[in-house]
PDB file of N, CA and C in Angstrom:
ATOM      1  N   MET A   1      -7.371 258.867  24.589  1.00  0.00           N
ATOM      2  CA  MET A   1      -8.526 258.999  23.430  1.00  0.00           C
ATOM      3  C   MET A   1      -7.711 258.398  22.067  1.00  0.00           C
ATOM      4  N   ALA A   2      -6.415 258.684  21.494  1.00  0.00           N
ATOM      5  CA  ALA A   2      -5.933 258.235  20.561  1.00  0.00           C
ATOM      6  C   ALA A   2      -6.229 256.919  20.369  1.00  0.00           C
ATOM      7  N   LEU A   3      -6.006 255.942  21.507  1.00  0.00           N
ATOM      8  CA  LEU A   3      -6.302 254.244  21.710  1.00  0.00           C
ATOM      9  C   LEU A   3      -7.707 253.963  21.012  1.00  0.00           C
ATOM     10  N   GLY A   4      -8.576 254.902  21.151  1.00  0.00           N
ATOM     11  CA  GLY A   4     -10.289 254.896  21.259  1.00  0.00           C
ATOM     12  C   GLY A   4     -10.221 254.895  19.449  1.00  0.00           C
ATOM     13  N   VAL A   5      -9.351 255.438  18.735  1.00  0.00           N
ATOM     14  CA  VAL A   5      -9.599 256.016  17.501  1.00  0.00           C
ATOM     15  C   VAL A   5      -9.024 255.026  16.740  1.00  0.00           C
ATOM     16  N   ILE A   6      -8.218 254.225  17.087  1.00  0.00           N
ATOM     17  CA  ILE A   6      -7.415 252.920  16.297  1.00  0.00           C
ATOM     18  C   ILE A   6      -8.542 252.060  15.452  1.00  0.00           C
ATOM     19  N   PHE A   7      -9.201 251.541  16.225  1.00  0.00           N
ATOM     20  CA  PHE A   7     -10.584 250.395  15.645  1.00  0.00           C
ATOM     21  C   PHE A   7     -11.380 251.026  14.727  1.00  0.00           C
ATOM     22  N   PRO A   8     -11.795 251.992  15.157  1.00  0.00           N
ATOM     23  CA  PRO A   8     -12.806 252.522  14.204  1.00  0.00           C
ATOM     24  C   PRO A   8     -12.461 253.129  12.859  1.00  0.00           C
ATOM     25  N   LEU A   9     -11.114 253.510  12.804  1.00  0.00           N
ATOM     26  CA  LEU A   9     -10.126 254.072  11.667  1.00  0.00           C
ATOM     27  C   LEU A   9      -9.912 253.022  10.922  1.00  0.00           C
ATOM     28  N   LEU A  10      -9.474 251.760  11.657  1.00  0.00           N
ATOM     29  CA  LEU A  10      -9.369 250.555  10.904  1.00  0.00           C
ATOM     30  C   LEU A  10     -10.436 250.004  10.073  1.00  0.00           C
ATOM     31  N   ALA A  11     -11.870 250.504  10.848  1.00  0.00           N
ATOM     32  CA  ALA A  11     -12.589 250.002  10.217  1.00  0.00           C
ATOM     33  C   ALA A  11     -13.306 250.519   9.181  1.00  0.00           C
ATOM     34  N   HIS A  12     -13.165 251.899   9.161  1.00  0.00           N
ATOM     35  CA  HIS A  12     -13.160 252.773   7.803  1.00  0.00           C
ATOM     36  C   HIS A  12     -12.202 252.530   6.785  1.00  0.00           C
ATOM     37  N   LEU A  13     -10.913 252.579   7.307  1.00  0.00           N
ATOM     38  CA  LEU A  13     -10.262 252.180   6.046  1.00  0.00           C
ATOM     39  C   LEU A  13     -10.115 250.803   5.532  1.00  0.00           C
ATOM     40  N   ALA A  14     -10.724 249.573   6.107  1.00  0.00           N
ATOM     41  CA  ALA A  14     -11.414 248.288   5.757  1.00  0.00           C
ATOM     42  C   ALA A  14     -12.452 248.537   4.331  1.00  0.00           C
ATOM     43  N   THR A  15     -13.274 249.370   5.194  1.00  0.00           N
ATOM     44  CA  THR A  15     -14.399 249.391   4.371  1.00  0.00           C
ATOM     45  C   THR A  15     -14.339 250.357   2.954  1.00  0.00           C
ATOM     46  N   ILE A  16     -13.367 251.098   3.025  1.00  0.00           N
ATOM     47  CA  ILE A  16     -12.935 252.255   1.865  1.00  0.00           C
ATOM     48  C   ILE A  16     -12.387 251.302   0.674  1.00  0.00           C
ATOM     49  N   PHE A  17     -11.217 250.682   1.464  1.00  0.00           N
ATOM     50  CA  PHE A  17     -10.202 250.022   0.276  1.00  0.00           C
ATOM     51  C   PHE A  17     -10.079 248.591   0.284  1.00  0.00           C
ATOM     52  N   THR A  18     -10.995 247.896   0.580  1.00  0.00           N
ATOM     53  CA  THR A  18     -11.423 246.436   0.821  1.00  0.00           C
ATOM     54  C   THR A  18     -12.538 245.969   0.360  1.00  0.00           C
ATOM     55  N   SER A  19     -12.733 244.987  -0.013  1.00  0.00           N
ATOM     56  CA  SER A  19     -13.999 244.499  -0.345  1.00  0.00           C
ATOM     57  C   SER A  19     -14.562 243.758   0.735  1.00  0.00           C
ATOM     58  N   ILE A  20     -13.862 244.076   1.964  1.00  0.00           N
ATOM     59  CA  ILE A  20     -14.573 242.981   3.370  1.00  0.00           C
ATOM     60  C   ILE A  20     -16.270 243.349   3.100  1.00  0.00           C
ATOM     61  N   GLN A  21     -16.393 244.192   3.458  1.00  0.00           N
ATOM     62  CA  GLN A  21     -17.509 244.986   3.770  1.00  0.00           C
ATOM     63  C   GLN A  21     -18.439 244.169   2.830  1.00  0.00           C
ATOM     64  N   THR A  22     -18.551 244.391   1.189  1.00  0.00           N
ATOM     65  CA  THR A  22     -19.519 244.059   0.544  1.00  0.00           C
ATOM     66  C   THR A  22     -19.166 242.391   0.086  1.00  0.00           C
ATOM     67  N   SER A  23     -18.131 241.530   0.663  1.00  0.00           N
ATOM     68  CA  SER A  23     -18.331 240.554   0.447  1.00  0.00           C
ATOM     69  C   SER A  23     -19.009 239.608   1.603  1.00  0.00           C
ATOM     70  N   LEU A  24     -18.558 240.136   3.216  1.00  0.00           N
ATOM     71  CA  LEU A  24     -19.063 239.318   4.364  1.00  0.00           C
ATOM     72  C   LEU A  24     -20.353 239.483   4.758  1.00  0.00           C
ATOM     73  N   PHE A  25     -20.692 241.045   4.708  1.00  0.00           N
ATOM     74  CA  PHE A  25     -21.641 241.880   5.389  1.00  0.00           C
ATOM     75  C   PHE A  25     -22.818 242.546   4.136  1.00  0.00           C
ATOM     76  N   ILE A  26     -23.229 241.966   3.342  1.00  0.00           N
ATOM     77  CA  ILE A  26     -23.917 242.593   2.202  1.00  0.00           C
ATOM     78  C   ILE A  26     -25.003 243.383   2.845  1.00  0.00           C
ATOM     79  N   GLN A  27     -25.869 242.864   3.487  1.00  0.00           N
ATOM     80  CA  GLN A  27     -27.000 243.792   4.183  1.00  0.00           C
ATOM     81  C   GLN A  27     -26.913 244.539   5.448  1.00  0.00           C
ATOM     82  N   LYS A  28     -25.594 244.326   5.979  1.00  0.00           N
ATOM     83  CA  LYS A  28     -24.961 245.181   6.751  1.00  0.00           C
ATOM     84  C   LYS A  28     -24.341 246.212   6.574  1.00  0.00           C
ATOM     85  N   PRO A  29     -24.473 247.345   6.221  1.00  0.00           N
ATOM     86  CA  PRO A  29     -23.274 248.284   5.865  1.00  0.00           C
ATOM     87  C   PRO A  29     -22.429 248.934   7.139  1.00  0.00           C
ATOM     88  N   ILE A  30     -23.053 248.988   8.253  1.00  0.00           N
ATOM     89  CA  ILE A  30     -22.261 249.275   9.066  1.00  0.00           C
ATOM     90  C   ILE A  30     -21.483 248.308  10.087  1.00  0.00           C
ATOM     91  N   ALA A  31     -21.343 246.965   9.498  1.00  0.00           N
ATOM     92  CA  ALA A  31     -20.854 245.834  10.376  1.00  0.00           C
ATOM     93  C   ALA A  31     -19.541 246.244  10.916  1.00  0.00           C
ATOM     94  N   LEU A  32     -18.877 246.493   9.941  1.00  0.00           N
ATOM     95  CA  LEU A  32     -17.387 246.872  10.628  1.00  0.00           C
ATOM     96  C   LEU A  32     -17.318 247.680  11.810  1.00  0.00           C
ATOM     97  N   TYR A  33     -17.697 248.767  11.387  1.00  0.00           N
ATOM     98  CA  TYR A  33     -17.856 250.099  12.854  1.00  0.00           C
ATOM     99  C   TYR A  33     -18.532 249.279  13.828  1.00  0.00           C
ATOM    100  N   VAL A  34     -19.282 248.659  13.946  1.00  0.00           N
ATOM    101  CA  VAL A  34     -20.019 247.592  15.216  1.00  0.00           C
ATOM    102  C   VAL A  34     -18.857 247.015  15.847  1.00  0.00           C
ATOM    103  N   ILE A  35     -18.042 246.056  14.738  1.00  0.00           N
ATOM    104  CA  ILE A  35     -17.393 245.447  15.208  1.00  0.00           C
ATOM    105  C   ILE A  35     -16.312 246.021  16.267  1.00  0.00           C
ATOM    106  N   ALA A  36     -15.635 247.484  15.602  1.00  0.00           N
ATOM    107  CA  ALA A  36     -14.841 248.380  15.884  1.00  0.00           C
ATOM    108  C   ALA A  36     -15.054 248.834  17.144  1.00  0.00           C
ATOM    109  N   ALA A  37     -16.572 248.959  17.474  1.00  0.00           N
ATOM    110  CA  ALA A  37     -16.752 249.781  18.646  1.00  0.00           C
ATOM    111  C   ALA A  37     -16.976 248.377  20.125  1.00  0.00           C
ATOM    112  N   THR A  38     -17.297 247.413  19.571  1.00  0.00           N
ATOM    113  CA  THR A  38     -17.356 246.162  20.456  1.00  0.00           C
ATOM    114  C   THR A  38     -15.883 246.052  20.576  1.00  0.00           C
ATOM    115  N   LEU A  39     -14.831 245.967  20.114  1.00  0.00           N
ATOM    116  CA  LEU A  39     -13.722 246.152  20.392  1.00  0.00           C
ATOM    117  C   LEU A  39     -12.906 247.034  21.422  1.00  0.00           C
ATOM    118  N   ASN A  40     -13.530 248.086  20.965  1.00  0.00           N
ATOM    119  CA  ASN A  40     -13.064 249.254  22.059  1.00  0.00           C
ATOM    120  C   ASN A  40     -13.669 249.088  23.402  1.00  0.00           C
ATOM    121  N   LEU A  41     -14.870 248.605  23.261  1.00  0.00           N
ATOM    122  CA  LEU A  41     -15.534 248.471  24.645  1.00  0.00           C
ATOM    123  C   LEU A  41     -15.095 247.051  25.371  1.00  0.00           C
ATOM    124  N   ILE A  42     -14.576 246.452  24.888  1.00  0.00           N
ATOM    125  CA  ILE A  42     -13.547 245.210  25.111  1.00  0.00           C
ATOM    126  C   ILE A  42     -12.481 245.844  25.716  1.00  0.00           C
ATOM    127  N   SER A  43     -11.605 246.533  25.246  1.00  0.00           N
ATOM    128  CA  SER A  43     -10.752 247.165  25.504  1.00  0.00           C
ATOM    129  C   SER A  43     -10.540 248.281  26.826  1.00  0.00           C
ATOM    130  N   VAL A  44     -11.682 248.818  26.646  1.00  0.00           N
ATOM    131  CA  VAL A  44     -12.188 249.684  28.097  1.00  0.00           C
ATOM    132  C   VAL A  44     -12.444 248.822  29.377  1.00  0.00           C
ATOM    133  N   ARG A  45     -13.004 247.514  29.052  1.00  0.00           N
ATOM    134  CA  ARG A  45     -12.825 246.815  30.116  1.00  0.00           C
ATOM    135  C   ARG A  45     -11.711 246.142  30.990  1.00  0.00           C
ATOM    136  N   PHE A  46     -10.828 245.909  30.053  1.00  0.00           N
ATOM    137  CA  PHE A  46      -9.627 245.792  30.344  1.00  0.00           C
ATOM    138  C   PHE A  46      -8.606 246.800  31.131  1.00  0.00           C
ATOM    139  N   LEU A  47      -9.026 247.900  30.532  1.00  0.00           N
ATOM    140  CA  LEU A  47      -8.226 249.233  31.045  1.00  0.00           C
ATOM    141  C   LEU A  47      -8.811 249.340  32.389  1.00  0.00           C
ATOM    142  N   TYR A  48     -10.071 249.680  32.390  1.00  0.00           N
ATOM    143  CA  TYR A  48     -10.914 249.655  33.987  1.00  0.00           C
ATOM    144  C   TYR A  48      -9.844 248.770  35.189  1.00  0.00           C
ATOM    145  N   ARG A  49      -9.980 247.297  34.607  1.00  0.00           N
ATOM    146  CA  ARG A  49      -9.575 246.716  35.401  1.00  0.00           C
ATOM    147  C   ARG A  49      -8.063 246.616  35.845  1.00  0.00           C
ATOM    148  N   ASN A  50      -7.298 247.423  34.895  1.00  0.00           N
ATOM    149  CA  ASN A  50      -5.584 247.229  35.257  1.00  0.00           C
ATOM    150  C   ASN A  50      -5.425 249.034  35.402  1.00  0.00           C
ATOM    151  N   GLU A  51      -6.774 249.839  36.226  1.00  0.00           N
ATOM    152  CA  GLU A  51      -6.618 250.859  36.834  1.00  0.00           C
ATOM    153  C   GLU A  51      -6.293 251.839  35.814  1.00  0.00           C
ATOM    154  N   LYS A  52      -6.371 252.034  35.011  1.00  0.00           N
ATOM    155  CA  LYS A  52      -6.272 253.039  33.816  1.00  0.00           C
ATOM    156  C   LYS A  52      -7.342 253.769  33.353  1.00  0.00           C
ATOM    157  N   GLU A  53      -7.952 254.425  34.387  1.00  0.00           N
ATOM    158  CA  GLU A  53      -9.329 255.135  34.331  1.00  0.00           C
ATOM    159  C   GLU A  53      -9.389 255.826  33.000  1.00  0.00           C
ATOM    160  N   ALA A  54      -8.289 257.040  33.149  1.00  0.00           N
ATOM    161  CA  ALA A  54      -8.224 258.141  32.329  1.00  0.00           C
ATOM    162  C   ALA A  54      -8.080 257.387  30.831  1.00  0.00           C
ATOM    163  N   THR A  55      -7.308 256.832  30.343  1.00  0.00           N
ATOM    164  CA  THR A  55      -7.414 255.753  29.137  1.00  0.00           C
ATOM    165  C   THR A  55      -8.802 255.410  28.632  1.00  0.00           C
ATOM    166  N   ALA A  56      -9.335 254.566  29.654  1.00  0.00           N
ATOM    167  CA  ALA A  56     -10.656 254.056  29.289  1.00  0.00           C
ATOM    168  C   ALA A  56     -11.606 255.135  29.066  1.00  0.00           C
ATOM    169  N   ASN A  57     -11.608 256.116  29.927  1.00  0.00           N
ATOM    170  CA  ASN A  57     -12.552 257.201  29.868  1.00  0.00           C
ATOM    171  C   ASN A  57     -12.358 257.701  28.240  1.00  0.00           C
ATOM    172  N   GLY A  58     -10.970 257.988  28.096  1.00  0.00           N
ATOM    173  CA  GLY A  58     -11.005 258.339  26.681  1.00  0.00           C
ATOM    174  C   GLY A  58     -11.064 257.755  25.358  1.00  0.00           C
ATOM    175  N   VAL A  59     -11.286 256.258  25.614  1.00  0.00           N
ATOM    176  CA  VAL A  59     -11.832 255.252  24.497  1.00  0.00           C
ATOM    177  C   VAL A  59     -13.063 255.506  24.430  1.00  0.00           C
ATOM    178  N   VAL A  60     -13.788 255.346  25.575  1.00  0.00           N
ATOM    179  CA  VAL A  60     -15.074 255.523  25.885  1.00  0.00           C
ATOM    180  C   VAL A  60     -15.810 256.744  24.939  1.00  0.00           C
ATOM    181  N   LEU A  61     -15.143 257.968  25.028  1.00  0.00           N
ATOM    182  CA  LEU A  61     -15.434 258.983  24.613  1.00  0.00           C
ATOM    183  C   LEU A  61     -14.885 259.004  22.903  1.00  0.00           C
ATOM    184  N   ALA A  62     -14.286 258.306  22.551  1.00  0.00           N
ATOM    185  CA  ALA A  62     -13.792 258.133  21.026  1.00  0.00           C
ATOM    186  C   ALA A  62     -14.771 257.337  20.681  1.00  0.00           C
ATOM    187  N   THR A  63     -15.316 256.388  21.287  1.00  0.00           N
ATOM    188  CA  THR A  63     -15.942 255.326  20.931  1.00  0.00           C
ATOM    189  C   THR A  63     -17.776 256.242  20.532  1.00  0.00           C
ATOM    190  N   PHE A  64     -17.855 256.494  21.534  1.00  0.00           N
ATOM    191  CA  PHE A  64     -19.126 257.531  21.394  1.00  0.00           C
ATOM    192  C   PHE A  64     -18.860 258.321  19.964  1.00  0.00           C
ATOM    193  N   LEU A  65     -18.210 259.291  19.621  1.00  0.00           N
ATOM    194  CA  LEU A  65     -17.968 259.996  18.771  1.00  0.00           C
ATOM    195  C   LEU A  65     -17.960 259.620  17.709  1.00  0.00           C
ATOM    196  N   ALA A  66     -17.226 258.612  17.489  1.00  0.00           N
ATOM    197  CA  ALA A  66     -16.951 257.958  16.186  1.00  0.00           C
ATOM    198  C   ALA A  66     -18.303 257.314  15.797  1.00  0.00           C
ATOM    199  N   MET A  67     -19.192 256.797  16.839  1.00  0.00           N
ATOM    200  CA  MET A  67     -20.510 256.465  16.163  1.00  0.00           C
ATOM    201  C   MET A  67     -21.621 257.401  15.589  1.00  0.00           C
ATOM    202  N   ILE A  68     -21.209 258.592  16.761  1.00  0.00           N
ATOM    203  CA  ILE A  68     -22.047 259.830  16.335  1.00  0.00           C
ATOM    204  C   ILE A  68     -22.265 259.987  15.016  1.00  0.00           C
ATOM    205  N   VAL A  69     -20.618 260.544  14.750  1.00  0.00           N
ATOM    206  CA  VAL A  69     -19.932 260.861  13.287  1.00  0.00           C
ATOM    207  C   VAL A  69     -20.750 259.881  12.335  1.00  0.00           C
ATOM    208  N   LEU A  70     -20.520 258.736  12.583  1.00  0.00           N
ATOM    209  CA  LEU A  70     -20.832 257.448  11.736  1.00  0.00           C
ATOM    210  C   LEU A  70     -22.421 257.731  11.391  1.00  0.00           C
ATOM    211  N   ILE A  71     -23.154 257.635  12.618  1.00  0.00           N
ATOM    212  CA  ILE A  71     -24.800 257.842  12.420  1.00  0.00           C
ATOM    213  C   ILE A  71     -25.355 259.055  11.537  1.00  0.00           C
ATOM    214  N   VAL A  72     -24.591 260.177  11.772  1.00  0.00           N
ATOM    215  CA  VAL A  72     -24.525 261.867  11.015  1.00  0.00           C
ATOM    216  C   VAL A  72     -23.950 261.417   9.528  1.00  0.00           C
ATOM    217  N   PHE A  73     -23.006 260.987   8.910  1.00  0.00           N
ATOM    218  CA  PHE A  73     -22.535 260.797   7.723  1.00  0.00           C
ATOM    219  C   PHE A  73     -23.194 259.771   7.086  1.00  0.00           C
ATOM    220  N   MET A  74     -23.550 258.355   7.843  1.00  0.00           N
ATOM    221  CA  MET A  74     -24.206 257.421   7.041  1.00  0.00           C
ATOM    222  C   MET A  74     -25.433 257.314   7.229  1.00  0.00           C
ATOM    223  N   ARG A  75     -26.462 258.320   7.938  1.00  0.00           N
ATOM    224  CA  ARG A  75     -27.801 257.835   8.330  1.00  0.00           C
ATOM    225  C   ARG A  75     -28.642 257.046   7.075  1.00  0.00           C
ATOM    226  N   GLU A  76     -28.601 257.477   5.859  1.00  0.00           N
ATOM    227  CA  GLU A  76     -29.334 256.852   5.033  1.00  0.00           C
ATOM    228  C   GLU A  76     -29.410 255.606   4.829  1.00  0.00           C
ATOM    229  N   MET A  77     -27.759 254.945   4.800  1.00  0.00           N
ATOM    230  CA  MET A  77     -27.516 253.497   4.737  1.00  0.00           C
ATOM    231  C   MET A  77     -28.035 252.879   6.192  1.00  0.00           C
ATOM    232  N   VAL A  78     -27.952 253.704   7.070  1.00  0.00           N
ATOM    233  CA  VAL A  78     -28.128 252.909   8.307  1.00  0.00           C
ATOM    234  C   VAL A  78     -29.758 253.222   8.724  1.00  0.00           C
ATOM    235  N   PHE A  79     -30.634 253.609   7.965  1.00  0.00           N
ATOM    236  CA  PHE A  79     -31.955 253.892   8.339  1.00  0.00           C
ATOM    237  C   PHE A  79     -32.801 253.447   7.384  1.00  0.00           C
ATOM    238  N   SER A  80     -32.166 252.832   6.247  1.00  0.00           N
ATOM    239  CA  SER A  80     -33.092 252.444   4.960  1.00  0.00           C
ATOM    240  C   SER A  80     -33.590 250.962   5.104  1.00  0.00           C
ATOM    241  N   TYR A  81     -32.785 250.114   6.342  1.00  0.00           N
ATOM    242  CA  TYR A  81     -33.462 248.982   6.219  1.00  0.00           C
ATOM    243  C   TYR A  81     -34.004 248.588   7.377  1.00  0.00           C
ATOM    244  N   ALA A  82     -34.749 249.795   8.141  1.00  0.00           N
ATOM    245  CA  ALA A  82     -35.642 249.823   9.262  1.00  0.00           C
ATOM    246  C   ALA A  82     -36.893 249.553   9.016  1.00  0.00           C
TER     247      ALA A  82
END
């Protein structure tokens, strides 16, 4: 599961400590987190192909939990564009 936390943690740190989010994705407040989830799901594909099911399941769980936490804590920004 620790492997699945790396990309969301990097996205969070990049959002807080850099201006990447504001300069590249002005109208998309969660774009870096979506990219992190996509990278996690790509890594899941390779983990399943290399028969590492337990690790892949941990990455899926970490990705799911990270997105739930993101929606709970950032729901004003996520749903304000709808």
